[in-house]
Amino acid sequence: MTTRTDRRIRIGLGIAAALLALGFLIGGVAALSTVGGAVPDLAALLHDPYIRAILGFTLLQAGLSTALSIILAIPFSLALHRSRISGKRLIMRLFLLPQALPVLVGALAVITIWGQNGLVSRGLAALGLPRLDVYGLTGILIAHVFFNMPLAARLVVAGLDRVPAESWKLAGQLALSPLAVFRLIEWPALRRVLPGAAALIFMLCITSFTIVLVLGGGPAATTLEIAVYQALRYDFDPGRAIGLSVIQIALTTLVLIAALRLGRDPMGGFGFGAKARRFDSPSPTRAALDGLIVVIGTLFVASPFVAILVSGLAADLARLVTEVAVRRAALTSLAVSLAAATLSLVVSILVLMAIEALRPAGRDSAGRRATRIGLETATSLVLVVSPVIIGAGWFLLLRQVTNVLAAAPYVVVAINAVMAMPFIVRIVGPALAEAQTHNGRLAESLGLTGLARLAFVDFPAMRQPLALAFAFAAALSFGDLGAIALFGSNDFSTLPYLLLQRMGSYRTADAAGLALILGAITVALMATVERGFTGSRERTA
């Protein structure tokens, strides 16, 4: 096989994989507007006071959640980057876990810490202050900040790590003041990262489902995502669901376009972060303040994990693990997550290899550049459509042609696989690009093509990021509730779905035990990442 033929095969397979993923997304959205002849009346929806209230609350909670996450992440990231405390890498790994923690488990942990009977409320009551009510906007904001502040912090730290080492050294030689360092070095780095981070968090909060479902507390705290779910699951009003879906897709699309116009990839810089050496002037006061900020931020992120452990151990775990329903749900969750992670990994790698094959060795043609940009954009467009909307479309379509319950496992696997693609692409992509930059021409001069090139050039470079990507995708799928919410039944139940049922029937002890099981499996999946990184230098993804 010639090098040109190998490149064409890579490009063809990558385009086919991207079209397959986009076709699944578009098929779900199109089914909402074609099945059953339901035509949404967008004008009537937008003039409906209740829908306008839902739209307003959706934008309010997403905007406040984004602002709080960014505002809190900036001082924490700067303090962590400046400080010389040990365990900085351990903190960065801790801040990776909220993105992989099942959202339902995180919501339950927020109730344990911040609820009316939680630790914070008991402390406030001891001081004679009123207890907190986490059901409503307050709880939604706390949960969103718990999940998204660590993400913003990781992106900011990654941006600071990309500052040239010479800049930090020159700042130390000139003995620049902290204000001058911030103005000349830190703020330009933040300015490049914050628009993309804010856009990503805003999209995640607009399409947030599980947090609002658990902590919403009623009609006054309902988002478009929940309204779509209610319109299909309880009211079975496809026309209303379609209209609400169109409004939500339009909102998220506008946010994505705004992020791309700012010139920043909203998923860029997702990784462990590289080590940067700074030469700031010693200041005991500032060091103490930085240490305090780091401790408070770390405790905020770590406390829900401690709450999960304590409340879970208080449950009857021995009985839970022997229940047939729990074991069946655990096996179903494991099968779905492994299948979804494998499928997502294969499709994402094909797209990435096509992107690298389209990168110019010399002069870049307009057609190749447009195709490459199209493939890169396709992986971000997945963020525009939520799993609830995709599931709703395929739910309506499949019920016309087959038994929905029989097809449910395949649809849930496909949805989870597609939704994990943006993360896999951003984790593995930089490693593959680096391999092509360093070894691409050598591989072509040696005539390495096909499986030989994959084995000797691509796979060694991707091996460690692949471990992270696979574990991350499996953890996301394992704890997902958005896809299973529409397709779940007594015959097809995952651990998150079973946990939601136990919470709905006020079996709080069982819910705490199931949350611990879910969290433990997630940590076990992420622990495989640590083994994959053992003995190797860390890589910024």
Protein backbone atom coordinates (compact mmCIF):
# COMPACT_ATOMS: atom_id res chain seq x y z
CA MET A 1 0.00 0.00 0.00
CA THR A 2 1.36 3.43 -0.94
CA THR A 3 1.48 6.38 1.43
CA ARG A 4 -1.06 8.27 -0.68
CA THR A 5 -3.48 5.34 -0.61
CA ASP A 6 -3.04 4.98 3.15
CA ARG A 7 -3.81 8.67 3.61
CA ARG A 8 -6.92 8.42 1.46
CA ILE A 9 -8.15 5.42 3.45
CA ARG A 10 -7.63 7.29 6.73
CA ILE A 11 -9.49 10.32 5.44
CA GLY A 12 -12.32 8.20 4.07
CA LEU A 13 -12.75 6.22 7.28
CA GLY A 14 -12.64 9.40 9.37
CA ILE A 15 -15.27 11.14 7.26
CA ALA A 16 -17.47 8.03 7.39
CA ALA A 17 -17.12 7.87 11.18
CA ALA A 18 -17.97 11.57 11.58
CA LEU A 19 -20.98 11.23 9.28
CA LEU A 20 -22.14 8.20 11.26
CA ALA A 21 -22.02 10.14 14.54
CA LEU A 22 -23.65 13.23 13.05
CA GLY A 23 -26.25 11.09 11.30
CA PHE A 24 -27.22 9.56 14.61
CA LEU A 25 -27.56 13.00 16.17
CA ILE A 26 -29.43 14.49 13.24
CA GLY A 27 -31.63 11.40 13.01
CA GLY A 28 -32.72 11.84 16.62
CA VAL A 29 -33.47 15.54 16.16
CA ALA A 30 -35.20 15.00 12.81
CA ALA A 31 -37.37 12.25 14.24
CA LEU A 32 -38.77 14.73 16.73
CA SER A 33 -40.12 16.87 13.91
CA THR A 34 -41.31 14.14 11.53
CA VAL A 35 -42.73 11.27 13.57
CA GLY A 36 -46.42 11.50 14.29
CA GLY A 37 -46.88 14.65 12.23
CA ALA A 38 -46.32 16.82 15.29
CA VAL A 39 -45.55 20.37 14.18
CA PRO A 40 -44.24 22.68 16.88
CA ASP A 41 -45.85 26.10 17.24
CA LEU A 42 -42.77 28.07 18.22
CA ALA A 43 -44.63 31.38 18.31
CA ALA A 44 -47.20 30.01 20.74
CA LEU A 45 -44.48 28.47 22.90
CA LEU A 46 -42.51 31.70 23.09
CA HIS A 47 -45.65 33.62 24.02
CA ASP A 48 -46.60 31.11 26.71
CA PRO A 49 -45.78 32.72 30.09
CA TYR A 50 -44.81 29.36 31.59
CA ILE A 51 -42.42 28.54 28.73
CA ARG A 52 -40.93 32.02 28.92
CA ALA A 53 -40.39 31.48 32.63
CA ILE A 54 -38.68 28.15 31.90
CA LEU A 55 -36.49 29.81 29.27
CA GLY A 56 -35.63 32.61 31.67
CA PHE A 57 -34.75 30.20 34.46
CA THR A 58 -32.65 28.08 32.07
CA LEU A 59 -30.58 31.11 31.08
CA LEU A 60 -30.45 32.41 34.67
CA GLN A 61 -29.14 29.21 36.23
CA ALA A 62 -26.69 28.60 33.37
CA GLY A 63 -25.39 32.18 33.51
CA LEU A 64 -25.03 32.24 37.29
CA SER A 65 -23.47 28.76 37.36
CA THR A 66 -20.94 29.79 34.71
CA ALA A 67 -20.10 33.07 36.44
CA LEU A 68 -19.67 31.46 39.85
CA SER A 69 -17.55 28.62 38.45
CA ILE A 70 -15.23 31.03 36.62
CA ILE A 71 -15.04 33.58 39.45
CA LEU A 72 -14.14 30.90 41.99
CA ALA A 73 -11.77 29.05 39.66
CA ILE A 74 -9.58 32.09 38.90
CA PRO A 75 -8.22 32.80 42.42
CA PHE A 76 -7.92 29.08 43.15
CA SER A 77 -5.97 28.42 39.93
CA LEU A 78 -3.67 31.40 40.44
CA ALA A 79 -3.03 30.43 44.06
CA LEU A 80 -2.36 26.79 43.17
CA HIS A 81 -0.06 27.76 40.31
CA ARG A 82 1.91 30.21 42.49
CA SER A 83 2.13 28.05 45.60
CA ARG A 84 5.02 25.75 46.34
CA ILE A 85 2.99 23.30 48.42
CA SER A 86 3.44 19.60 47.83
CA GLY A 87 0.61 17.58 46.37
CA LYS A 88 -0.29 19.98 43.56
CA ARG A 89 -0.55 17.14 41.06
CA LEU A 90 -2.69 15.16 43.48
CA ILE A 91 -5.06 18.14 43.71
CA MET A 92 -5.22 18.35 39.93
CA ARG A 93 -6.15 14.67 39.77
CA LEU A 94 -8.80 15.22 42.43
CA PHE A 95 -10.21 18.00 40.26
CA LEU A 96 -10.53 15.51 37.40
CA LEU A 97 -12.93 13.28 39.34
CA PRO A 98 -16.04 15.54 39.38
CA GLN A 99 -16.23 15.36 35.58
CA ALA A 100 -16.25 11.55 35.75
CA LEU A 101 -18.37 11.25 38.91
CA PRO A 102 -21.96 10.18 38.15
CA VAL A 103 -24.01 13.38 38.30
CA LEU A 104 -26.72 11.70 40.33
CA VAL A 105 -24.15 10.73 42.97
CA GLY A 106 -22.84 14.29 43.05
CA ALA A 107 -26.36 15.67 43.48
CA LEU A 108 -26.96 13.29 46.38
CA ALA A 109 -23.65 14.36 47.95
CA VAL A 110 -24.67 18.01 47.65
CA ILE A 111 -27.84 17.21 49.59
CA THR A 112 -25.77 15.44 52.25
CA ILE A 113 -23.40 18.39 52.68
CA TRP A 114 -25.65 21.39 51.98
CA GLY A 115 -29.20 20.09 52.58
CA GLN A 116 -31.43 20.99 55.52
CA ASN A 117 -29.97 18.09 57.51
CA GLY A 118 -26.51 18.44 56.02
CA LEU A 119 -23.26 19.40 57.71
CA VAL A 120 -23.38 23.04 56.63
CA SER A 121 -27.01 23.49 57.71
CA ARG A 122 -26.29 21.92 61.09
CA GLY A 123 -23.40 24.32 61.54
CA LEU A 124 -25.58 27.28 60.62
CA ALA A 125 -28.29 26.10 63.01
CA ALA A 126 -25.73 25.86 65.81
CA LEU A 127 -24.93 29.53 65.19
CA GLY A 128 -28.61 30.47 65.31
CA LEU A 129 -28.83 30.97 61.53
CA PRO A 130 -31.49 29.48 59.21
CA ARG A 131 -30.79 26.19 57.51
CA LEU A 132 -30.12 26.04 53.77
CA ASP A 133 -32.73 24.86 51.28
CA VAL A 134 -30.95 23.16 48.40
CA TYR A 135 -34.10 22.44 46.41
CA GLY A 136 -34.32 25.16 43.82
CA LEU A 137 -31.87 27.63 42.36
CA THR A 138 -29.51 27.48 45.35
CA GLY A 139 -28.98 23.72 45.15
CA ILE A 140 -28.63 23.80 41.36
CA LEU A 141 -25.93 26.47 41.61
CA ILE A 142 -24.01 24.60 44.32
CA ALA A 143 -24.08 21.37 42.33
CA HIS A 144 -23.08 23.06 39.08
CA VAL A 145 -20.19 24.85 40.78
CA PHE A 146 -19.04 21.56 42.32
CA PHE A 147 -18.91 19.93 38.89
CA ASN A 148 -17.73 22.88 36.78
CA MET A 149 -15.39 24.91 38.99
CA PRO A 150 -12.79 22.09 38.92
CA LEU A 151 -13.15 21.93 35.13
CA ALA A 152 -12.58 25.68 34.83
CA ALA A 153 -9.65 25.48 37.25
CA ARG A 154 -8.00 22.73 35.22
CA LEU A 155 -8.41 24.73 32.01
CA VAL A 156 -6.97 27.86 33.65
CA VAL A 157 -4.00 25.98 35.12
CA ALA A 158 -3.37 24.39 31.72
CA GLY A 159 -3.37 27.89 30.19
CA LEU A 160 -0.87 29.11 32.78
CA ASP A 161 1.30 26.05 32.18
CA ARG A 162 1.53 26.99 28.50
CA VAL A 163 3.19 30.31 29.34
CA PRO A 164 6.84 30.12 28.14
CA ALA A 165 9.30 29.35 30.91
CA GLU A 166 11.33 32.41 29.88
CA SER A 167 8.44 34.69 30.88
CA TRP A 168 8.42 33.39 34.45
CA LYS A 169 12.20 33.58 34.65
CA LEU A 170 12.28 37.15 33.33
CA ALA A 171 9.57 38.19 35.81
CA GLY A 172 11.71 36.81 38.64
CA GLN A 173 14.87 38.53 37.39
CA LEU A 174 13.04 41.88 37.18
CA ALA A 175 11.45 41.32 40.61
CA LEU A 176 8.04 42.23 39.24
CA SER A 177 5.31 42.90 41.76
CA PRO A 178 2.36 40.47 42.00
CA LEU A 179 0.15 43.05 40.26
CA ALA A 180 2.64 43.43 37.42
CA VAL A 181 2.95 39.64 37.04
CA PHE A 182 -0.82 39.36 36.86
CA ARG A 183 -1.15 42.20 34.34
CA LEU A 184 1.72 41.18 32.06
CA ILE A 185 1.74 37.36 32.27
CA GLU A 186 -1.18 35.79 34.10
CA TRP A 187 -4.04 37.86 32.70
CA PRO A 188 -3.05 37.38 29.00
CA ALA A 189 -2.97 33.61 29.66
CA LEU A 190 -6.37 33.76 31.39
CA ARG A 191 -7.84 35.86 28.61
CA ARG A 192 -7.01 33.17 26.07
CA VAL A 193 -8.60 30.41 28.15
CA LEU A 194 -11.63 31.95 29.86
CA PRO A 195 -13.91 32.50 26.81
CA GLY A 196 -13.70 28.85 25.83
CA ALA A 197 -14.04 27.64 29.41
CA ALA A 198 -17.07 29.86 30.00
CA ALA A 199 -18.72 28.74 26.76
CA LEU A 200 -18.20 25.07 27.60
CA ILE A 201 -19.57 25.44 31.14
CA PHE A 202 -22.54 27.47 29.89
CA MET A 203 -23.43 24.74 27.39
CA LEU A 204 -23.08 22.04 30.03
CA CYS A 205 -25.35 23.99 32.39
CA ILE A 206 -27.99 24.73 29.74
CA THR A 207 -28.24 21.03 28.92
CA SER A 208 -27.99 19.93 32.56
CA PHE A 209 -30.60 17.26 33.25
CA THR A 210 -29.89 15.15 36.32
CA ILE A 211 -28.99 18.03 38.65
CA VAL A 212 -32.14 19.98 37.82
CA LEU A 213 -34.26 16.82 37.94
CA VAL A 214 -33.09 16.03 41.48
CA LEU A 215 -32.59 19.52 42.92
CA GLY A 216 -35.08 21.56 40.91
CA GLY A 217 -37.77 21.35 43.52
CA GLY A 218 -40.80 22.07 41.33
CA PRO A 219 -42.15 24.07 38.37
CA ALA A 220 -40.43 27.27 39.49
CA ALA A 221 -37.01 25.65 38.95
CA THR A 222 -37.56 23.84 35.64
CA THR A 223 -35.27 24.07 32.60
CA LEU A 224 -35.86 23.37 28.93
CA GLU A 225 -34.17 19.98 29.30
CA ILE A 226 -36.56 18.92 32.06
CA ALA A 227 -39.54 20.32 30.15
CA VAL A 228 -38.65 18.16 27.12
CA TYR A 229 -38.44 15.09 29.33
CA GLN A 230 -41.78 15.87 31.01
CA ALA A 231 -43.48 16.52 27.67
CA LEU A 232 -42.58 13.02 26.47
CA ARG A 233 -42.39 10.90 29.61
CA TYR A 234 -45.51 12.17 31.36
CA ASP A 235 -47.60 14.27 28.94
CA PHE A 236 -46.55 12.53 25.71
CA ASP A 237 -46.83 15.78 23.75
CA PRO A 238 -44.35 15.41 20.85
CA GLY A 239 -45.18 18.83 19.42
CA ARG A 240 -44.31 20.58 22.66
CA ALA A 241 -41.14 18.49 23.05
CA ILE A 242 -40.05 19.37 19.51
CA GLY A 243 -40.57 23.09 20.03
CA LEU A 244 -38.68 23.11 23.32
CA SER A 245 -35.87 21.09 21.73
CA VAL A 246 -35.56 23.56 18.86
CA ILE A 247 -35.30 26.45 21.32
CA GLN A 248 -32.62 24.66 23.35
CA ILE A 249 -30.60 23.65 20.29
CA ALA A 250 -30.74 27.24 19.04
CA LEU A 251 -29.41 28.51 22.37
CA THR A 252 -26.52 26.06 22.57
CA THR A 253 -25.66 26.65 18.90
CA LEU A 254 -25.41 30.39 19.48
CA VAL A 255 -23.10 29.78 22.42
CA LEU A 256 -20.88 27.43 20.38
CA ILE A 257 -20.70 29.91 17.47
CA ALA A 258 -19.78 32.69 19.88
CA ALA A 259 -17.01 30.53 21.35
CA LEU A 260 -15.63 29.66 17.92
CA ARG A 261 -15.74 33.33 16.85
CA LEU A 262 -13.62 34.17 19.86
CA GLY A 263 -11.04 31.85 18.35
CA ARG A 264 -10.86 29.38 21.19
CA ASP A 265 -11.82 25.74 21.23
CA PRO A 266 -14.26 25.36 24.15
CA MET A 267 -12.76 21.97 24.97
CA GLY A 268 -9.11 22.86 24.55
CA GLY A 269 -6.50 22.18 27.17
CA PHE A 270 -8.24 19.33 28.96
CA GLY A 271 -5.60 17.29 30.74
CA PHE A 272 -3.40 16.84 33.79
CA GLY A 273 -1.39 20.02 33.25
CA ALA A 274 2.35 20.39 32.81
CA LYS A 275 4.79 21.45 35.51
CA ALA A 276 5.74 25.13 35.35
CA ARG A 277 8.56 26.67 37.40
CA ARG A 278 7.92 30.17 38.68
CA PHE A 279 10.29 32.71 40.20
CA ASP A 280 7.93 34.97 42.16
CA SER A 281 9.40 37.12 44.91
CA PRO A 282 8.98 35.45 48.32
CA SER A 283 6.07 36.81 50.36
CA PRO A 284 4.94 35.00 53.53
CA THR A 285 1.61 36.85 53.56
CA ARG A 286 0.78 35.98 49.99
CA ALA A 287 1.96 32.40 50.48
CA ALA A 288 -0.32 32.02 53.49
CA LEU A 289 -3.25 33.51 51.56
CA ASP A 290 -2.59 31.24 48.58
CA GLY A 291 -2.43 28.23 50.89
CA LEU A 292 -5.74 29.18 52.50
CA ILE A 293 -7.42 29.57 49.10
CA VAL A 294 -6.08 26.20 47.93
CA VAL A 295 -7.26 24.48 51.13
CA ILE A 296 -10.76 25.97 50.90
CA GLY A 297 -11.12 25.06 47.22
CA THR A 298 -9.83 21.54 47.79
CA LEU A 299 -12.18 21.01 50.73
CA PHE A 300 -15.12 22.21 48.66
CA VAL A 301 -14.38 19.63 45.98
CA ALA A 302 -13.34 16.82 48.34
CA SER A 303 -16.18 17.14 50.86
CA PRO A 304 -18.87 15.55 48.64
CA PHE A 305 -16.63 12.52 48.13
CA VAL A 306 -16.25 12.20 51.90
CA ALA A 307 -20.03 12.58 52.30
CA ILE A 308 -20.61 9.80 49.77
CA LEU A 309 -18.22 7.52 51.67
CA VAL A 310 -19.65 8.22 55.14
CA SER A 311 -23.34 8.00 54.19
CA GLY A 312 -22.74 4.97 51.98
CA LEU A 313 -20.95 3.02 54.68
CA ALA A 314 -23.90 3.66 56.99
CA ALA A 315 -26.21 1.82 54.58
CA ASP A 316 -26.74 -1.93 54.50
CA LEU A 317 -24.19 -2.61 51.78
CA ALA A 318 -24.19 -6.36 52.37
CA ARG A 319 -27.89 -6.54 51.58
CA LEU A 320 -27.60 -4.22 48.59
CA VAL A 321 -24.84 -6.15 46.85
CA THR A 322 -26.81 -9.37 47.19
CA GLU A 323 -30.03 -7.94 45.75
CA VAL A 324 -30.83 -9.35 42.33
CA ALA A 325 -32.00 -5.96 41.07
CA VAL A 326 -28.77 -4.25 42.14
CA ARG A 327 -26.51 -6.92 40.64
CA ARG A 328 -28.47 -6.92 37.39
CA ALA A 329 -28.35 -3.12 37.22
CA ALA A 330 -24.60 -3.12 37.94
CA LEU A 331 -23.90 -5.66 35.20
CA THR A 332 -26.10 -3.70 32.79
CA SER A 333 -24.30 -0.47 33.63
CA LEU A 334 -20.92 -2.13 33.16
CA ALA A 335 -21.90 -3.66 29.83
CA VAL A 336 -23.36 -0.39 28.55
CA SER A 337 -20.38 1.68 29.68
CA LEU A 338 -17.74 -0.64 28.20
CA ALA A 339 -19.63 -0.95 24.92
CA ALA A 340 -20.18 2.82 24.70
CA ALA A 341 -16.55 3.62 25.58
CA THR A 342 -15.25 1.14 23.00
CA LEU A 343 -17.55 2.44 20.26
CA SER A 344 -16.74 6.05 21.10
CA LEU A 345 -13.03 5.35 21.14
CA VAL A 346 -13.09 3.67 17.72
CA VAL A 347 -15.13 6.44 16.07
CA SER A 348 -13.08 9.21 17.70
CA ILE A 349 -9.75 7.67 16.70
CA LEU A 350 -10.90 7.33 13.09
CA VAL A 351 -11.89 11.00 13.04
CA LEU A 352 -8.57 12.05 14.63
CA MET A 353 -6.52 10.02 12.18
CA ALA A 354 -8.39 11.64 9.30
CA ILE A 355 -7.71 15.10 10.75
CA GLU A 356 -3.99 14.35 10.98
CA ALA A 357 -3.97 12.90 7.46
CA LEU A 358 -5.48 16.17 6.22
CA ARG A 359 -2.80 18.32 7.81
CA PRO A 360 -0.52 19.72 5.12
CA ALA A 361 3.05 18.55 4.74
CA GLY A 362 3.59 21.59 2.56
CA ARG A 363 1.03 23.87 0.98
CA ASP A 364 -2.52 23.52 2.33
CA SER A 365 -5.35 23.39 -0.23
CA ALA A 366 -8.72 25.02 0.44
CA GLY A 367 -10.57 21.71 0.13
CA ARG A 368 -8.37 19.86 2.61
CA ARG A 369 -8.50 22.77 5.03
CA ALA A 370 -12.30 22.93 4.82
CA THR A 371 -12.60 19.16 5.35
CA ARG A 372 -10.27 19.27 8.32
CA ILE A 373 -12.15 22.17 9.92
CA GLY A 374 -15.41 20.36 9.25
CA LEU A 375 -14.21 17.24 11.07
CA GLU A 376 -12.89 19.30 13.99
CA THR A 377 -16.17 21.23 14.24
CA ALA A 378 -18.25 18.05 14.04
CA THR A 379 -16.72 16.81 17.29
CA SER A 380 -17.80 20.03 19.02
CA LEU A 381 -21.30 20.07 17.55
CA VAL A 382 -22.09 17.04 19.68
CA LEU A 383 -22.19 19.43 22.64
CA VAL A 384 -25.11 21.30 21.06
CA VAL A 385 -27.65 18.49 21.44
CA SER A 386 -28.36 16.90 24.82
CA PRO A 387 -28.81 13.14 25.30
CA VAL A 388 -32.42 13.69 26.39
CA ILE A 389 -33.29 15.30 23.05
CA ILE A 390 -31.48 12.60 21.06
CA GLY A 391 -33.14 9.87 23.10
CA ALA A 392 -36.54 11.52 22.70
CA GLY A 393 -36.22 11.52 18.92
CA TRP A 394 -35.15 7.90 18.67
CA PHE A 395 -37.80 6.94 21.23
CA LEU A 396 -40.53 8.38 18.99
CA LEU A 397 -39.03 6.88 15.85
CA LEU A 398 -38.46 3.36 17.19
CA ARG A 399 -41.91 3.05 18.68
CA GLN A 400 -43.28 3.35 15.14
CA VAL A 401 -41.31 0.39 13.80
CA THR A 402 -40.33 -1.90 16.67
CA ASN A 403 -40.51 -2.59 20.38
CA VAL A 404 -38.76 0.34 22.05
CA LEU A 405 -37.74 -1.75 25.07
CA ALA A 406 -36.00 -4.29 22.84
CA ALA A 407 -33.98 -1.59 21.08
CA ALA A 408 -33.32 0.44 24.23
CA PRO A 409 -29.84 -0.98 25.08
CA TYR A 410 -28.49 -0.23 21.60
CA VAL A 411 -29.84 3.32 21.61
CA VAL A 412 -28.45 4.03 25.09
CA VAL A 413 -25.01 2.71 24.08
CA ALA A 414 -25.03 4.83 20.92
CA ILE A 415 -26.09 7.98 22.79
CA ASN A 416 -23.41 7.55 25.45
CA ALA A 417 -20.79 6.83 22.81
CA VAL A 418 -21.58 9.99 20.85
CA MET A 419 -21.70 12.17 23.95
CA ALA A 420 -18.22 10.99 25.04
CA MET A 421 -16.60 11.85 21.71
CA PRO A 422 -15.71 15.50 22.49
CA PHE A 423 -13.76 14.45 25.57
CA ILE A 424 -11.93 11.61 23.82
CA VAL A 425 -10.96 13.81 20.89
CA ARG A 426 -9.53 16.50 23.18
CA ILE A 427 -7.65 13.99 25.34
CA VAL A 428 -6.11 11.89 22.55
CA GLY A 429 -5.87 14.50 19.79
CA PRO A 430 -2.81 16.43 21.03
CA ALA A 431 -0.79 13.23 21.50
CA LEU A 432 -1.59 12.03 17.98
CA ALA A 433 -0.78 15.47 16.53
CA GLU A 434 2.56 15.45 18.35
CA ALA A 435 3.36 12.01 16.98
CA GLN A 436 2.62 13.14 13.44
CA THR A 437 4.78 16.24 13.88
CA HIS A 438 7.77 14.30 15.20
CA ASN A 439 7.54 11.00 13.30
CA GLY A 440 5.13 11.52 10.41
CA ARG A 441 7.69 12.23 7.72
CA LEU A 442 9.98 9.48 8.98
CA ALA A 443 7.12 6.98 8.81
CA GLU A 444 6.32 8.03 5.24
CA SER A 445 9.99 7.78 4.18
CA LEU A 446 10.11 4.26 5.63
CA GLY A 447 6.90 3.32 3.83
CA LEU A 448 4.95 2.58 7.03
CA THR A 449 1.27 2.36 6.21
CA GLY A 450 -1.90 0.74 7.52
CA LEU A 451 -1.59 -1.42 10.62
CA ALA A 452 2.21 -1.10 10.67
CA ARG A 453 2.01 2.67 10.99
CA LEU A 454 -0.68 2.31 13.64
CA ALA A 455 1.41 -0.16 15.64
CA PHE A 456 4.78 1.60 15.48
CA VAL A 457 3.90 5.32 15.23
CA ASP A 458 0.35 6.12 16.29
CA PHE A 459 -0.40 3.66 19.10
CA PRO A 460 2.79 4.22 21.16
CA ALA A 461 2.03 7.96 21.19
CA MET A 462 -1.65 7.46 22.04
CA ARG A 463 -1.30 4.62 24.54
CA GLN A 464 -1.35 6.69 27.75
CA PRO A 465 -4.01 9.22 26.61
CA LEU A 466 -6.09 6.29 25.35
CA ALA A 467 -6.13 4.86 28.88
CA LEU A 468 -7.40 8.19 30.21
CA ALA A 469 -9.92 8.58 27.39
CA PHE A 470 -11.32 5.07 27.71
CA ALA A 471 -11.65 5.27 31.50
CA PHE A 472 -13.21 8.72 31.26
CA ALA A 473 -15.72 7.65 28.59
CA ALA A 474 -16.62 4.50 30.52
CA ALA A 475 -17.10 6.50 33.73
CA LEU A 476 -19.32 9.05 31.98
CA SER A 477 -21.44 6.31 30.46
CA PHE A 478 -21.58 4.32 33.70
CA GLY A 479 -23.10 7.23 35.59
CA ASP A 480 -25.29 8.66 32.82
CA LEU A 481 -28.97 9.20 33.54
CA GLY A 482 -30.00 11.32 30.55
CA ALA A 483 -30.24 8.48 28.03
CA ILE A 484 -31.66 5.83 30.35
CA ALA A 485 -34.32 8.21 31.73
CA LEU A 486 -36.54 7.65 28.68
CA PHE A 487 -35.65 4.02 27.96
CA GLY A 488 -35.36 2.63 31.48
CA SER A 489 -37.74 -0.07 32.69
CA ASN A 490 -37.81 -3.00 35.08
CA ASP A 491 -36.23 -5.14 32.37
CA PHE A 492 -33.55 -2.58 31.43
CA SER A 493 -32.24 -0.75 34.45
CA THR A 494 -28.82 0.71 35.21
CA LEU A 495 -27.42 1.70 38.59
CA PRO A 496 -28.19 5.43 38.11
CA TYR A 497 -31.76 4.57 37.08
CA LEU A 498 -32.15 2.26 40.08
CA LEU A 499 -30.67 4.95 42.35
CA LEU A 500 -33.20 7.49 41.05
CA GLN A 501 -36.03 5.04 41.72
CA ARG A 502 -34.86 4.48 45.31
CA MET A 503 -34.58 8.23 45.85
CA GLY A 504 -38.08 8.73 44.41
CA SER A 505 -39.50 6.17 46.84
CA TYR A 506 -37.69 7.88 49.77
CA ARG A 507 -35.42 4.88 50.44
CA THR A 508 -32.58 7.20 51.38
CA ALA A 509 -30.37 4.57 53.01
CA ASP A 510 -30.47 2.41 49.90
CA ALA A 511 -29.82 5.49 47.76
CA ALA A 512 -26.74 6.34 49.83
CA GLY A 513 -25.42 2.79 49.48
CA LEU A 514 -26.00 2.75 45.74
CA ALA A 515 -24.30 6.14 45.44
CA LEU A 516 -21.22 4.74 47.19
CA ILE A 517 -21.19 1.75 44.83
CA LEU A 518 -21.45 4.06 41.83
CA GLY A 519 -18.72 6.33 43.14
CA ALA A 520 -16.44 3.41 44.00
CA ILE A 521 -16.70 1.99 40.50
CA THR A 522 -15.97 5.41 39.04
CA VAL A 523 -12.85 5.79 41.16
CA ALA A 524 -11.80 2.29 40.16
CA LEU A 525 -12.13 3.22 36.50
CA MET A 526 -10.09 6.37 37.00
CA ALA A 527 -7.48 4.38 38.93
CA THR A 528 -6.72 2.51 35.73
CA VAL A 529 -5.59 5.85 34.36
CA GLU A 530 -3.01 6.14 37.11
CA ARG A 531 -1.62 2.72 36.20
CA GLY A 532 -1.47 3.81 32.58
CA PHE A 533 0.60 6.85 33.55
CA THR A 534 2.98 5.02 35.88
CA GLY A 535 6.60 5.44 34.94
CA SER A 536 5.93 7.97 32.19
CA ARG A 537 5.99 11.71 32.00
CA GLU A 538 2.60 13.39 32.24
CA ARG A 539 1.11 14.70 29.10
CA THR A 540 -0.94 17.82 28.62
CA ALA A 541 -4.08 16.83 26.66
